[in-house]
N, C-alpha and C. Protein backbone atom coordinates (compact mmCIF):
# COMPACT_ATOMS: atom_id res chain seq x y z
N UNK A 1 -14.40 24.63 -16.11
CA UNK A 1 -12.89 24.48 -16.57
C UNK A 1 -12.59 22.75 -16.46
N UNK A 2 -11.97 22.56 -17.23
CA UNK A 2 -11.71 21.18 -17.20
C UNK A 2 -10.54 20.55 -16.24
N UNK A 3 -10.33 19.67 -15.89
CA UNK A 3 -9.26 19.01 -15.02
C UNK A 3 -8.40 17.88 -15.89
N UNK A 4 -7.59 17.83 -15.59
CA UNK A 4 -6.34 16.73 -16.13
C UNK A 4 -5.98 15.91 -14.82
N UNK A 5 -6.36 14.44 -14.96
CA UNK A 5 -6.08 13.34 -13.98
C UNK A 5 -5.16 12.40 -15.07
N UNK A 6 -4.06 11.81 -13.95
CA UNK A 6 -2.66 11.41 -14.45
C UNK A 6 -3.09 9.63 -13.68
N UNK A 7 -3.23 8.66 -14.29
CA UNK A 7 -3.59 7.37 -13.51
C UNK A 7 -2.05 6.92 -13.35
N UNK A 8 -1.76 6.43 -11.79
CA UNK A 8 -0.29 5.99 -11.59
C UNK A 8 -0.69 4.12 -11.26
N UNK A 9 0.48 3.85 -12.02
CA UNK A 9 0.84 2.40 -11.66
C UNK A 9 0.67 1.89 -10.16
N UNK A 10 0.09 0.87 -9.78
CA UNK A 10 0.00 0.55 -8.51
C UNK A 10 1.68 -0.19 -8.00
N UNK A 11 1.96 -0.26 -6.94
CA UNK A 11 3.47 -0.97 -6.58
C UNK A 11 3.04 -2.45 -6.56
N UNK A 12 4.33 -2.89 -7.34
CA UNK A 12 4.22 -4.54 -7.62
C UNK A 12 4.91 -5.34 -6.54
N UNK A 13 5.44 -4.36 -5.23
CA UNK A 13 6.05 -5.33 -4.24
C UNK A 13 4.75 -4.94 -2.90
N UNK A 14 3.97 -4.34 -3.10
CA UNK A 14 3.06 -4.15 -2.25
C UNK A 14 2.55 -5.72 -1.80
N UNK A 15 2.60 -6.12 -0.39
CA UNK A 15 2.21 -7.35 0.10
C UNK A 15 1.63 -6.93 1.48
N UNK A 16 0.80 -8.07 1.97
CA UNK A 16 0.01 -7.62 3.15
C UNK A 16 0.87 -8.56 3.96
N UNK A 17 1.32 -7.68 5.36
CA UNK A 17 2.00 -8.00 6.12
C UNK A 17 1.48 -8.52 7.38
N UNK A 18 0.12 -8.58 7.18
CA UNK A 18 -0.61 -9.47 8.46
C UNK A 18 -0.76 -10.55 8.80
N UNK A 19 -0.47 -11.23 9.60
CA UNK A 19 -0.31 -12.79 10.09
C UNK A 19 -2.05 -13.32 10.24
N UNK A 20 -2.79 -13.04 9.25
CA UNK A 20 -4.11 -13.51 9.34
C UNK A 20 -4.54 -14.37 10.49
N UNK A 21 -3.60 -15.63 10.44
CA UNK A 21 -4.11 -16.99 10.86
C UNK A 21 -3.66 -16.68 12.11
N UNK A 22 -2.76 -15.63 12.66
CA UNK A 22 -2.17 -15.68 14.35
C UNK A 22 -3.50 -14.60 14.84
N UNK A 23 -3.54 -13.45 13.83
CA UNK A 23 -4.64 -12.63 14.22
C UNK A 23 -6.36 -12.62 14.12
N UNK A 24 -6.94 -13.75 13.65
CA UNK A 24 -7.87 -13.87 13.63
C UNK A 24 -8.61 -15.08 14.32
N UNK A 25 -10.00 -14.79 14.35
CA UNK A 25 -10.40 -16.33 15.04
C UNK A 25 -10.70 -17.25 14.05
N UNK A 26 -11.04 -18.36 14.33
CA UNK A 26 -11.37 -19.56 13.15
C UNK A 26 -12.60 -19.23 12.22
N UNK A 27 -13.63 -18.44 12.46
CA UNK A 27 -14.42 -17.78 11.79
C UNK A 27 -13.99 -16.78 11.03
N UNK A 28 -13.24 -16.11 11.29
CA UNK A 28 -13.11 -14.76 10.90
C UNK A 28 -12.15 -15.05 9.72
N UNK A 29 -11.28 -15.91 9.73
CA UNK A 29 -9.64 -16.47 9.36
C UNK A 29 -10.62 -17.62 8.12
N UNK A 30 -12.24 -17.79 8.24
CA UNK A 30 -12.49 -18.23 7.06
C UNK A 30 -13.18 -17.79 5.68
N UNK A 31 -13.53 -16.59 6.82
CA UNK A 31 -14.61 -15.58 6.03
C UNK A 31 -13.22 -14.94 4.68
N UNK A 32 -12.12 -14.62 5.55
CA UNK A 32 -11.00 -13.69 4.72
C UNK A 32 -10.44 -14.70 3.91
N UNK A 33 -10.07 -15.83 4.22
CA UNK A 33 -9.83 -16.74 3.16
C UNK A 33 -10.67 -17.43 2.29
N UNK A 34 -11.70 -16.77 2.36
CA UNK A 34 -12.83 -17.35 0.99
C UNK A 34 -12.53 -17.63 -0.11
N UNK A 35 -13.06 -18.55 -0.93
CA UNK A 35 -12.56 -18.71 -2.54
C UNK A 35 -13.35 -17.44 -3.21
N UNK A 36 -12.81 -17.19 -4.22
CA UNK A 36 -13.06 -15.89 -4.81
C UNK A 36 -14.58 -15.97 -5.35
N UNK A 37 -15.29 -14.93 -5.36
CA UNK A 37 -16.71 -15.17 -5.75
C UNK A 37 -17.68 -14.60 -4.55
N UNK A 38 -18.83 -14.33 -4.55
CA UNK A 38 -19.86 -13.95 -3.73
C UNK A 38 -19.75 -14.62 -2.29
N UNK A 39 -19.68 -13.66 -1.18
CA UNK A 39 -19.44 -14.28 0.05
C UNK A 39 -20.64 -13.86 0.86
N UNK A 40 -21.50 -14.68 1.71
CA UNK A 40 -22.56 -13.57 2.82
C UNK A 40 -21.48 -13.85 3.87
N UNK A 41 -21.20 -12.62 4.50
CA UNK A 41 -20.52 -12.68 6.40
C UNK A 41 -21.57 -11.97 6.48
N UNK A 42 -22.10 -12.68 8.03
CA UNK A 42 -23.00 -11.99 8.88
C UNK A 42 -22.34 -11.68 10.59
N UNK A 43 -22.08 -10.73 10.70
CA UNK A 43 -21.52 -10.32 11.94
C UNK A 43 -21.87 -9.28 12.79
N UNK A 44 -22.47 -9.62 13.96
CA UNK A 44 -23.10 -8.35 14.72
C UNK A 44 -21.99 -7.50 15.26
N UNK A 45 -22.20 -6.34 16.01
CA UNK A 45 -21.77 -5.58 16.50
C UNK A 45 -20.43 -5.86 17.50
N UNK A 46 -19.38 -5.51 17.14
CA UNK A 46 -18.74 -6.10 18.33
C UNK A 46 -18.14 -7.73 18.13
N UNK A 47 -18.64 -8.21 17.04
CA UNK A 47 -18.35 -9.68 16.97
C UNK A 47 -16.92 -9.72 16.39
N UNK A 48 -15.80 -8.42 16.28
CA UNK A 48 -14.55 -9.08 15.81
C UNK A 48 -14.53 -8.40 14.39
């Protein structure tokens, strides 16, 4: 039996409400704000 799907548009007014600079430490913030492209992030368990 064939199924039918509808692709919905994403909401354009969606934005992040997280204050990353206030919530993360310096190294975490650097990982989150890294330039676009591949990035290697090494983090051990419990490192945040």
